[in-house]
Full PDB file with SEQRES, HELIX, SHEET, SSBOND, CRYST1, ORIGX, SCALE, CONECT and MASTER records, all heavy atoms in Angstrom:
SEQRES   1 A   39  ASP GLY GLY SER GLY LEU GLY LEU TYR ILE SER ARG ARG          
SEQRES   2 A   39  LEU ALA ARG ALA MET ASN GLY ASP LEU THR VAL GLU SER          
SEQRES   3 A   39  ALA LYS GLY GLN GLY ALA ARG PHE THR LEU GLU ILE PRO          
HELIX    1 AA1 GLY A    7  ALA A   17  1                                  11    
SHEET    1 AA1 2 ASP A  21  SER A  26  0                                        
SHEET    2 AA1 2 ALA A  32  GLU A  37 -1                                        
CRYST1    1.000    1.000    1.000  90.00  90.00  90.00 P 1           1          
ORIGX1      1.000000  0.000000  0.000000        0.00000                         
ORIGX2      0.000000  1.000000  0.000000        0.00000                         
ORIGX3      0.000000  0.000000  1.000000        0.00000                         
SCALE1      1.000000  0.000000  0.000000        0.00000                         
SCALE2      0.000000  1.000000  0.000000        0.00000                         
SCALE3      0.000000  0.000000  1.000000        0.00000                         
ATOM      1  N   ASP A   1     -13.381  12.619 -21.691  1.00  0.00           N  
ATOM      2  CA  ASP A   1     -12.587  12.768 -20.409  1.00  0.00           C  
ATOM      3  C   ASP A   1     -11.232  12.277 -20.437  1.00  0.00           C  
ATOM      4  O   ASP A   1     -10.526  12.138 -19.451  1.00  0.00           O  
ATOM      5  CB  ASP A   1     -13.391  11.944 -19.273  1.00  0.00           C  
ATOM      6  CG  ASP A   1     -13.545  10.441 -19.616  1.00  0.00           C  
ATOM      7  OD1 ASP A   1     -12.914  10.003 -20.607  1.00  0.00           O  
ATOM      8  OD2 ASP A   1     -14.223   9.797 -18.776  1.00  0.00           O  
ATOM      9  N   GLY A   2     -10.771  11.804 -21.710  1.00  0.00           N  
ATOM     10  CA  GLY A   2      -9.379  11.411 -21.821  1.00  0.00           C  
ATOM     11  C   GLY A   2      -9.173   9.923 -21.436  1.00  0.00           C  
ATOM     12  O   GLY A   2      -8.081   9.422 -21.570  1.00  0.00           O  
ATOM     13  N   GLY A   3     -10.145   9.222 -20.949  1.00  0.00           N  
ATOM     14  CA  GLY A   3     -10.029   7.824 -20.542  1.00  0.00           C  
ATOM     15  C   GLY A   3     -10.139   6.907 -21.778  1.00  0.00           C  
ATOM     16  O   GLY A   3     -10.743   7.198 -22.850  1.00  0.00           O  
ATOM     17  N   SER A   4      -9.591   5.654 -21.526  1.00  0.00           N  
ATOM     18  CA  SER A   4      -9.651   4.666 -22.584  1.00  0.00           C  
ATOM     19  C   SER A   4     -10.676   3.579 -22.328  1.00  0.00           C  
ATOM     20  O   SER A   4     -10.978   2.778 -23.193  1.00  0.00           O  
ATOM     21  CB  SER A   4      -8.220   4.018 -22.697  1.00  0.00           C  
ATOM     22  OG  SER A   4      -7.890   3.217 -21.571  1.00  0.00           O  
ATOM     23  N   GLY A   5     -11.177   3.634 -21.039  1.00  0.00           N  
ATOM     24  CA  GLY A   5     -12.104   2.496 -20.739  1.00  0.00           C  
ATOM     25  C   GLY A   5     -11.341   1.221 -20.380  1.00  0.00           C  
ATOM     26  O   GLY A   5     -12.015   0.170 -20.315  1.00  0.00           O  
ATOM     27  N   LEU A   6     -10.110   1.276 -20.099  1.00  0.00           N  
ATOM     28  CA  LEU A   6      -9.332   0.122 -19.804  1.00  0.00           C  
ATOM     29  C   LEU A   6      -8.835   0.103 -18.283  1.00  0.00           C  
ATOM     30  O   LEU A   6      -8.396  -0.932 -17.861  1.00  0.00           O  
ATOM     31  CB  LEU A   6      -8.047  -0.039 -20.778  1.00  0.00           C  
ATOM     32  CG  LEU A   6      -8.409  -0.455 -22.170  1.00  0.00           C  
ATOM     33  CD1 LEU A   6      -7.215  -0.295 -22.987  1.00  0.00           C  
ATOM     34  CD2 LEU A   6      -8.932  -1.820 -22.198  1.00  0.00           C  
ATOM     35  N   GLY A   7      -8.808   1.251 -17.692  1.00  0.00           N  
ATOM     36  CA  GLY A   7      -8.157   1.387 -16.374  1.00  0.00           C  
ATOM     37  C   GLY A   7      -8.796   0.428 -15.307  1.00  0.00           C  
ATOM     38  O   GLY A   7      -7.977  -0.343 -14.652  1.00  0.00           O  
ATOM     39  N   LEU A   8     -10.087   0.377 -15.206  1.00  0.00           N  
ATOM     40  CA  LEU A   8     -10.658  -0.474 -14.174  1.00  0.00           C  
ATOM     41  C   LEU A   8     -10.610  -1.963 -14.626  1.00  0.00           C  
ATOM     42  O   LEU A   8     -10.419  -2.806 -13.714  1.00  0.00           O  
ATOM     43  CB  LEU A   8     -12.110  -0.119 -13.836  1.00  0.00           C  
ATOM     44  CG  LEU A   8     -12.246   1.180 -13.160  1.00  0.00           C  
ATOM     45  CD1 LEU A   8     -13.774   1.602 -13.045  1.00  0.00           C  
ATOM     46  CD2 LEU A   8     -11.726   1.131 -11.758  1.00  0.00           C  
ATOM     47  N   TYR A   9     -10.661  -2.214 -15.851  1.00  0.00           N  
ATOM     48  CA  TYR A   9     -10.570  -3.612 -16.342  1.00  0.00           C  
ATOM     49  C   TYR A   9      -9.125  -4.106 -16.019  1.00  0.00           C  
ATOM     50  O   TYR A   9      -8.977  -5.194 -15.462  1.00  0.00           O  
ATOM     51  CB  TYR A   9     -10.806  -3.663 -17.864  1.00  0.00           C  
ATOM     52  CG  TYR A   9     -10.527  -5.021 -18.445  1.00  0.00           C  
ATOM     53  CD1 TYR A   9     -11.527  -6.020 -18.388  1.00  0.00           C  
ATOM     54  CD2 TYR A   9      -9.336  -5.257 -19.148  1.00  0.00           C  
ATOM     55  CE1 TYR A   9     -11.202  -7.323 -18.917  1.00  0.00           C  
ATOM     56  CE2 TYR A   9      -9.095  -6.528 -19.575  1.00  0.00           C  
ATOM     57  CZ  TYR A   9     -10.022  -7.483 -19.560  1.00  0.00           C  
ATOM     58  OH  TYR A   9      -9.782  -8.748 -20.153  1.00  0.00           O  
ATOM     59  N   ILE A  10      -8.084  -3.358 -16.330  1.00  0.00           N  
ATOM     60  CA  ILE A  10      -6.764  -3.733 -16.018  1.00  0.00           C  
ATOM     61  C   ILE A  10      -6.524  -3.864 -14.564  1.00  0.00           C  
ATOM     62  O   ILE A  10      -5.881  -4.760 -14.034  1.00  0.00           O  
ATOM     63  CB  ILE A  10      -5.814  -2.670 -16.703  1.00  0.00           C  
ATOM     64  CG1 ILE A  10      -5.814  -2.864 -18.158  1.00  0.00           C  
ATOM     65  CG2 ILE A  10      -4.400  -2.982 -16.127  1.00  0.00           C  
ATOM     66  CD1 ILE A  10      -4.984  -1.813 -18.906  1.00  0.00           C  
ATOM     67  N   SER A  11      -7.097  -2.962 -13.717  1.00  0.00           N  
ATOM     68  CA  SER A  11      -6.962  -2.911 -12.272  1.00  0.00           C  
ATOM     69  C   SER A  11      -7.500  -4.200 -11.716  1.00  0.00           C  
ATOM     70  O   SER A  11      -6.943  -4.830 -10.816  1.00  0.00           O  
ATOM     71  CB  SER A  11      -7.550  -1.684 -11.674  1.00  0.00           C  
ATOM     72  OG  SER A  11      -6.885  -0.543 -12.118  1.00  0.00           O  
ATOM     73  N   ARG A  12      -8.710  -4.701 -12.139  1.00  0.00           N  
ATOM     74  CA  ARG A  12      -9.275  -5.893 -11.552  1.00  0.00           C  
ATOM     75  C   ARG A  12      -8.454  -7.060 -11.954  1.00  0.00           C  
ATOM     76  O   ARG A  12      -8.243  -7.952 -11.169  1.00  0.00           O  
ATOM     77  CB  ARG A  12     -10.746  -5.966 -12.091  1.00  0.00           C  
ATOM     78  CG  ARG A  12     -11.384  -7.317 -11.654  1.00  0.00           C  
ATOM     79  CD  ARG A  12     -12.803  -7.542 -12.091  1.00  0.00           C  
ATOM     80  NE  ARG A  12     -13.699  -6.988 -10.979  1.00  0.00           N  
ATOM     81  CZ  ARG A  12     -15.018  -7.223 -10.964  1.00  0.00           C  
ATOM     82  NH1 ARG A  12     -15.603  -7.756 -12.016  1.00  0.00           N  
ATOM     83  NH2 ARG A  12     -15.779  -6.756  -9.966  1.00  0.00           N  
ATOM     84  N   ARG A  13      -7.911  -7.036 -13.292  1.00  0.00           N  
ATOM     85  CA  ARG A  13      -7.076  -8.180 -13.626  1.00  0.00           C  
ATOM     86  C   ARG A  13      -5.859  -8.252 -12.826  1.00  0.00           C  
ATOM     87  O   ARG A  13      -5.439  -9.334 -12.348  1.00  0.00           O  
ATOM     88  CB  ARG A  13      -6.703  -8.036 -15.107  1.00  0.00           C  
ATOM     89  CG  ARG A  13      -7.868  -8.128 -16.142  1.00  0.00           C  
ATOM     90  CD  ARG A  13      -8.367  -9.558 -16.336  1.00  0.00           C  
ATOM     91  NE  ARG A  13      -7.385 -10.418 -16.760  1.00  0.00           N  
ATOM     92  CZ  ARG A  13      -7.529 -11.347 -17.788  1.00  0.00           C  
ATOM     93  NH1 ARG A  13      -8.685 -11.465 -18.352  1.00  0.00           N  
ATOM     94  NH2 ARG A  13      -6.544 -12.281 -18.110  1.00  0.00           N  
ATOM     95  N   LEU A  14      -5.296  -7.063 -12.487  1.00  0.00           N  
ATOM     96  CA  LEU A  14      -4.050  -7.128 -11.607  1.00  0.00           C  
ATOM     97  C   LEU A  14      -4.447  -7.578 -10.232  1.00  0.00           C  
ATOM     98  O   LEU A  14      -3.611  -8.353  -9.659  1.00  0.00           O  
ATOM     99  CB  LEU A  14      -3.472  -5.657 -11.570  1.00  0.00           C  
ATOM    100  CG  LEU A  14      -2.796  -5.123 -12.849  1.00  0.00           C  
ATOM    101  CD1 LEU A  14      -2.448  -3.696 -12.708  1.00  0.00           C  
ATOM    102  CD2 LEU A  14      -1.547  -6.007 -13.118  1.00  0.00           C  
ATOM    103  N   ALA A  15      -5.566  -7.075  -9.635  1.00  0.00           N  
ATOM    104  CA  ALA A  15      -5.955  -7.501  -8.363  1.00  0.00           C  
ATOM    105  C   ALA A  15      -6.124  -9.057  -8.277  1.00  0.00           C  
ATOM    106  O   ALA A  15      -5.595  -9.709  -7.312  1.00  0.00           O  
ATOM    107  CB  ALA A  15      -7.191  -6.833  -7.959  1.00  0.00           C  
ATOM    108  N   ARG A  16      -6.821  -9.531  -9.262  1.00  0.00           N  
ATOM    109  CA  ARG A  16      -7.068 -11.056  -9.247  1.00  0.00           C  
ATOM    110  C   ARG A  16      -5.771 -11.800  -9.465  1.00  0.00           C  
ATOM    111  O   ARG A  16      -5.579 -12.972  -8.974  1.00  0.00           O  
ATOM    112  CB  ARG A  16      -8.105 -11.350 -10.263  1.00  0.00           C  
ATOM    113  CG  ARG A  16      -9.495 -10.864  -9.795  1.00  0.00           C  
ATOM    114  CD  ARG A  16     -10.615 -11.096 -10.794  1.00  0.00           C  
ATOM    115  NE  ARG A  16     -11.919 -10.722 -10.315  1.00  0.00           N  
ATOM    116  CZ  ARG A  16     -13.045 -10.833 -10.963  1.00  0.00           C  
ATOM    117  NH1 ARG A  16     -13.050 -11.256 -12.209  1.00  0.00           N  
ATOM    118  NH2 ARG A  16     -14.182 -10.404 -10.432  1.00  0.00           N  
ATOM    119  N   ALA A  17      -4.858 -11.274 -10.298  1.00  0.00           N  
ATOM    120  CA  ALA A  17      -3.481 -11.935 -10.464  1.00  0.00           C  
ATOM    121  C   ALA A  17      -2.751 -12.044  -9.188  1.00  0.00           C  
ATOM    122  O   ALA A  17      -1.914 -12.811  -9.076  1.00  0.00           O  
ATOM    123  CB  ALA A  17      -2.770 -11.159 -11.612  1.00  0.00           C  
ATOM    124  N   MET A  18      -3.015 -11.168  -8.272  1.00  0.00           N  
ATOM    125  CA  MET A  18      -2.348 -11.107  -6.995  1.00  0.00           C  
ATOM    126  C   MET A  18      -3.133 -11.832  -5.870  1.00  0.00           C  
ATOM    127  O   MET A  18      -2.963 -11.626  -4.680  1.00  0.00           O  
ATOM    128  CB  MET A  18      -2.051  -9.638  -6.515  1.00  0.00           C  
ATOM    129  CG  MET A  18      -1.074  -8.931  -7.374  1.00  0.00           C  
ATOM    130  SD  MET A  18      -0.582  -7.260  -6.821  1.00  0.00           S  
ATOM    131  CE  MET A  18      -2.109  -6.314  -6.982  1.00  0.00           C  
ATOM    132  N   ASN A  19      -4.083 -12.751  -6.397  1.00  0.00           N  
ATOM    133  CA  ASN A  19      -4.994 -13.474  -5.533  1.00  0.00           C  
ATOM    134  C   ASN A  19      -5.939 -12.633  -4.652  1.00  0.00           C  
ATOM    135  O   ASN A  19      -6.220 -12.980  -3.582  1.00  0.00           O  
ATOM    136  CB  ASN A  19      -4.076 -14.422  -4.594  1.00  0.00           C  
ATOM    137  CG  ASN A  19      -3.244 -15.448  -5.303  1.00  0.00           C  
ATOM    138  OD1 ASN A  19      -3.790 -16.053  -6.290  1.00  0.00           O  
ATOM    139  ND2 ASN A  19      -2.015 -15.519  -4.979  1.00  0.00           N  
ATOM    140  N   GLY A  20      -6.328 -11.526  -5.292  1.00  0.00           N  
ATOM    141  CA  GLY A  20      -7.230 -10.663  -4.572  1.00  0.00           C  
ATOM    142  C   GLY A  20      -8.433 -10.369  -5.519  1.00  0.00           C  
ATOM    143  O   GLY A  20      -8.849 -11.200  -6.367  1.00  0.00           O  
ATOM    144  N   ASP A  21      -8.993  -9.146  -5.345  1.00  0.00           N  
ATOM    145  CA  ASP A  21     -10.209  -8.804  -6.165  1.00  0.00           C  
ATOM    146  C   ASP A  21     -10.316  -7.228  -6.026  1.00  0.00           C  
ATOM    147  O   ASP A  21      -9.748  -6.574  -5.191  1.00  0.00           O  
ATOM    148  CB  ASP A  21     -11.452  -9.526  -5.734  1.00  0.00           C  
ATOM    149  CG  ASP A  21     -12.461  -9.607  -6.788  1.00  0.00           C  
ATOM    150  OD1 ASP A  21     -12.200  -9.078  -7.880  1.00  0.00           O  
ATOM    151  OD2 ASP A  21     -13.463 -10.241  -6.534  1.00  0.00           O  
ATOM    152  N   LEU A  22     -11.121  -6.773  -6.990  1.00  0.00           N  
ATOM    153  CA  LEU A  22     -11.559  -5.334  -6.962  1.00  0.00           C  
ATOM    154  C   LEU A  22     -13.019  -5.285  -7.165  1.00  0.00           C  
ATOM    155  O   LEU A  22     -13.500  -5.786  -8.164  1.00  0.00           O  
ATOM    156  CB  LEU A  22     -10.758  -4.595  -8.102  1.00  0.00           C  
ATOM    157  CG  LEU A  22     -11.094  -3.158  -8.307  1.00  0.00           C  
ATOM    158  CD1 LEU A  22     -10.684  -2.300  -6.997  1.00  0.00           C  
ATOM    159  CD2 LEU A  22     -10.320  -2.488  -9.477  1.00  0.00           C  
ATOM    160  N   THR A  23     -13.745  -4.612  -6.247  1.00  0.00           N  
ATOM    161  CA  THR A  23     -15.143  -4.535  -6.275  1.00  0.00           C  
ATOM    162  C   THR A  23     -15.722  -3.114  -6.079  1.00  0.00           C  
ATOM    163  O   THR A  23     -14.887  -2.267  -5.749  1.00  0.00           O  
ATOM    164  CB  THR A  23     -15.774  -5.439  -5.182  1.00  0.00           C  
ATOM    165  OG1 THR A  23     -15.244  -5.008  -3.923  1.00  0.00           O  
ATOM    166  CG2 THR A  23     -15.370  -6.870  -5.353  1.00  0.00           C  
ATOM    167  N   VAL A  24     -16.946  -2.882  -6.374  1.00  0.00           N  
ATOM    168  CA  VAL A  24     -17.512  -1.631  -6.219  1.00  0.00           C  
ATOM    169  C   VAL A  24     -18.867  -1.626  -5.517  1.00  0.00           C  
ATOM    170  O   VAL A  24     -19.571  -2.584  -5.674  1.00  0.00           O  
ATOM    171  CB  VAL A  24     -17.688  -0.927  -7.643  1.00  0.00           C  
ATOM    172  CG1 VAL A  24     -18.677  -1.671  -8.496  1.00  0.00           C  
ATOM    173  CG2 VAL A  24     -18.166   0.572  -7.442  1.00  0.00           C  
ATOM    174  N   GLU A  25     -19.147  -0.639  -4.699  1.00  0.00           N  
ATOM    175  CA  GLU A  25     -20.430  -0.347  -4.070  1.00  0.00           C  
ATOM    176  C   GLU A  25     -20.803   1.002  -4.361  1.00  0.00           C  
ATOM    177  O   GLU A  25     -20.051   1.889  -4.205  1.00  0.00           O  
ATOM    178  CB  GLU A  25     -20.394  -0.601  -2.566  1.00  0.00           C  
ATOM    179  CG  GLU A  25     -19.931  -2.033  -2.136  1.00  0.00           C  
ATOM    180  CD  GLU A  25     -19.845  -2.092  -0.563  1.00  0.00           C  
ATOM    181  OE1 GLU A  25     -20.866  -1.897   0.088  1.00  0.00           O  
ATOM    182  OE2 GLU A  25     -18.716  -2.203  -0.126  1.00  0.00           O  
ATOM    183  N   SER A  26     -22.025   1.208  -4.835  1.00  0.00           N  
ATOM    184  CA  SER A  26     -22.426   2.515  -5.206  1.00  0.00           C  
ATOM    185  C   SER A  26     -23.928   2.650  -5.371  1.00  0.00           C  
ATOM    186  O   SER A  26     -24.630   1.545  -5.317  1.00  0.00           O  
ATOM    187  CB  SER A  26     -21.825   2.976  -6.497  1.00  0.00           C  
ATOM    188  OG  SER A  26     -22.084   4.363  -6.824  1.00  0.00           O  
ATOM    189  N   ALA A  27     -24.412   3.873  -5.351  1.00  0.00           N  
ATOM    190  CA  ALA A  27     -25.854   4.171  -5.648  1.00  0.00           C  
ATOM    191  C   ALA A  27     -25.852   5.529  -6.380  1.00  0.00           C  
ATOM    192  O   ALA A  27     -25.025   6.379  -6.070  1.00  0.00           O  
ATOM    193  CB  ALA A  27     -26.658   4.207  -4.363  1.00  0.00           C  
ATOM    194  N   LYS A  28     -26.771   5.636  -7.332  1.00  0.00           N  
ATOM    195  CA  LYS A  28     -26.869   6.856  -8.080  1.00  0.00           C  
ATOM    196  C   LYS A  28     -26.988   8.085  -7.094  1.00  0.00           C  
ATOM    197  O   LYS A  28     -27.922   8.162  -6.290  1.00  0.00           O  
ATOM    198  CB  LYS A  28     -28.088   6.822  -9.047  1.00  0.00           C  
ATOM    199  CG  LYS A  28     -27.939   7.688 -10.224  1.00  0.00           C  
ATOM    200  CD  LYS A  28     -26.756   7.338 -11.128  1.00  0.00           C  
ATOM    201  CE  LYS A  28     -26.700   8.158 -12.392  1.00  0.00           C  
ATOM    202  NZ  LYS A  28     -25.510   7.769 -13.194  1.00  0.00           N  
ATOM    203  N   GLY A  29     -26.104   9.087  -7.271  1.00  0.00           N  
ATOM    204  CA  GLY A  29     -26.244  10.248  -6.617  1.00  0.00           C  
ATOM    205  C   GLY A  29     -25.640  10.186  -5.217  1.00  0.00           C  
ATOM    206  O   GLY A  29     -25.621  11.153  -4.428  1.00  0.00           O  
ATOM    207  N   GLN A  30     -24.921   9.040  -4.857  1.00  0.00           N  
ATOM    208  CA  GLN A  30     -24.340   8.846  -3.530  1.00  0.00           C  
ATOM    209  C   GLN A  30     -22.879   8.467  -3.671  1.00  0.00           C  
ATOM    210  O   GLN A  30     -22.303   7.901  -2.664  1.00  0.00           O  
ATOM    211  CB  GLN A  30     -25.100   7.807  -2.815  1.00  0.00           C  
ATOM    212  CG  GLN A  30     -26.624   8.171  -2.465  1.00  0.00           C  
ATOM    213  CD  GLN A  30     -27.346   7.065  -1.659  1.00  0.00           C  
ATOM    214  OE1 GLN A  30     -26.701   6.314  -1.010  1.00  0.00           O  
ATOM    215  NE2 GLN A  30     -28.638   7.039  -1.819  1.00  0.00           N  
ATOM    216  N   GLY A  31     -22.205   8.741  -4.672  1.00  0.00           N  
ATOM    217  CA  GLY A  31     -20.819   8.500  -4.785  1.00  0.00           C  
ATOM    218  C   GLY A  31     -20.502   6.957  -4.990  1.00  0.00           C  
ATOM    219  O   GLY A  31     -21.454   6.226  -5.267  1.00  0.00           O  
ATOM    220  N   ALA A  32     -19.241   6.599  -4.957  1.00  0.00           N  
ATOM    221  CA  ALA A  32     -18.852   5.197  -5.270  1.00  0.00           C  
ATOM    222  C   ALA A  32     -17.740   4.819  -4.286  1.00  0.00           C  
ATOM    223  O   ALA A  32     -16.897   5.647  -3.819  1.00  0.00           O  
ATOM    224  CB  ALA A  32     -18.449   5.077  -6.683  1.00  0.00           C  
ATOM    225  N   ARG A  33     -17.746   3.505  -3.899  1.00  0.00           N  
ATOM    226  CA  ARG A  33     -16.691   2.965  -2.991  1.00  0.00           C  
ATOM    227  C   ARG A  33     -16.018   1.783  -3.805  1.00  0.00           C  
ATOM    228  O   ARG A  33     -16.688   0.738  -3.927  1.00  0.00           O  
ATOM    229  CB  ARG A  33     -17.277   2.429  -1.628  1.00  0.00           C  
ATOM    230  CG  ARG A  33     -17.747   3.471  -0.784  1.00  0.00           C  
ATOM    231  CD  ARG A  33     -18.574   2.902   0.324  1.00  0.00           C  
ATOM    232  NE  ARG A  33     -17.973   1.688   0.922  1.00  0.00           N  
ATOM    233  CZ  ARG A  33     -17.187   1.625   2.018  1.00  0.00           C  
ATOM    234  NH1 ARG A  33     -16.864   2.759   2.521  1.00  0.00           N  
ATOM    235  NH2 ARG A  33     -16.697   0.463   2.413  1.00  0.00           N  
ATOM    236  N   PHE A  34     -14.809   1.990  -4.196  1.00  0.00           N  
ATOM    237  CA  PHE A  34     -13.996   0.785  -4.818  1.00  0.00           C  
ATOM    238  C   PHE A  34     -13.143   0.216  -3.739  1.00  0.00           C  
ATOM    239  O   PHE A  34     -12.397   0.960  -3.085  1.00  0.00           O  
ATOM    240  CB  PHE A  34     -13.222   1.317  -5.990  1.00  0.00           C  
ATOM    241  CG  PHE A  34     -14.134   1.711  -7.188  1.00  0.00           C  
ATOM    242  CD1 PHE A  34     -14.717   2.855  -7.341  1.00  0.00           C  
ATOM    243  CD2 PHE A  34     -14.184   0.750  -8.155  1.00  0.00           C  
ATOM    244  CE1 PHE A  34     -15.383   3.210  -8.441  1.00  0.00           C  
ATOM    245  CE2 PHE A  34     -15.037   1.063  -9.299  1.00  0.00           C  
ATOM    246  CZ  PHE A  34     -15.559   2.259  -9.470  1.00  0.00           C  
ATOM    247  N   THR A  35     -13.146  -1.122  -3.677  1.00  0.00           N  
ATOM    248  CA  THR A  35     -12.435  -1.834  -2.690  1.00  0.00           C  
ATOM    249  C   THR A  35     -11.381  -2.738  -3.368  1.00  0.00           C  
ATOM    250  O   THR A  35     -11.781  -3.658  -4.033  1.00  0.00           O  
ATOM    251  CB  THR A  35     -13.304  -2.673  -1.776  1.00  0.00           C  
ATOM    252  OG1 THR A  35     -14.260  -1.781  -1.073  1.00  0.00           O  
ATOM    253  CG2 THR A  35     -12.472  -3.397  -0.644  1.00  0.00           C  
ATOM    254  N   LEU A  36     -10.122  -2.548  -3.096  1.00  0.00           N  
ATOM    255  CA  LEU A  36      -8.970  -3.397  -3.531  1.00  0.00           C  
ATOM    256  C   LEU A  36      -8.790  -4.380  -2.358  1.00  0.00           C  
ATOM    257  O   LEU A  36      -8.453  -3.962  -1.240  1.00  0.00           O  
ATOM    258  CB  LEU A  36      -7.747  -2.602  -3.848  1.00  0.00           C  
ATOM    259  CG  LEU A  36      -6.494  -3.434  -4.109  1.00  0.00           C  
ATOM    260  CD1 LEU A  36      -6.623  -4.338  -5.279  1.00  0.00           C  
ATOM    261  CD2 LEU A  36      -5.208  -2.587  -4.271  1.00  0.00           C  
ATOM    262  N   GLU A  37      -8.716  -5.646  -2.713  1.00  0.00           N  
ATOM    263  CA  GLU A  37      -8.527  -6.657  -1.699  1.00  0.00           C  
ATOM    264  C   GLU A  37      -7.378  -7.584  -2.147  1.00  0.00           C  
ATOM    265  O   GLU A  37      -7.484  -8.128  -3.242  1.00  0.00           O  
ATOM    266  CB  GLU A  37      -9.767  -7.469  -1.475  1.00  0.00           C  
ATOM    267  CG  GLU A  37      -9.591  -8.552  -0.356  1.00  0.00           C  
ATOM    268  CD  GLU A  37     -10.937  -9.352  -0.108  1.00  0.00           C  
ATOM    269  OE1 GLU A  37     -11.758  -8.773   0.728  1.00  0.00           O  
ATOM    270  OE2 GLU A  37     -11.059 -10.377  -0.654  1.00  0.00           O  
ATOM    271  N   ILE A  38      -6.375  -7.807  -1.256  1.00  0.00           N  
ATOM    272  CA  ILE A  38      -5.277  -8.644  -1.538  1.00  0.00           C  
ATOM    273  C   ILE A  38      -4.939  -9.509  -0.247  1.00  0.00           C  
ATOM    274  O   ILE A  38      -5.410  -9.053   0.776  1.00  0.00           O  
ATOM    275  CB  ILE A  38      -3.988  -7.981  -1.954  1.00  0.00           C  
ATOM    276  CG1 ILE A  38      -3.591  -6.967  -1.010  1.00  0.00           C  
ATOM    277  CG2 ILE A  38      -4.238  -7.306  -3.386  1.00  0.00           C  
ATOM    278  CD1 ILE A  38      -2.302  -6.210  -1.372  1.00  0.00           C  
ATOM    279  N   PRO A  39      -4.220 -10.570  -0.363  1.00  0.00           N  
ATOM    280  CA  PRO A  39      -3.975 -11.411   0.863  1.00  0.00           C  
ATOM    281  C   PRO A  39      -3.250 -10.593   1.920  1.00  0.00           C  
ATOM    282  O   PRO A  39      -2.307  -9.813   1.546  1.00  0.00           O  
ATOM    283  CB  PRO A  39      -3.097 -12.565   0.385  1.00  0.00           C  
ATOM    284  CG  PRO A  39      -3.474 -12.676  -1.086  1.00  0.00           C  
ATOM    285  CD  PRO A  39      -3.721 -11.247  -1.512  1.00  0.00           C  
TER     286      PRO A  39                                                      
MASTER        0    0    0    1    2    0    0    6  285    1    0    3          
END                                                                             
């Protein structure tokens, strides 16, 4: 798929460096919800 496997790891590190977080909610066959949270 052309990915490196680093995108989400880097994104979470960036979110936490901005005093926030990056989380996921999902279930098999029901899509995914990624939440970026910052102050």
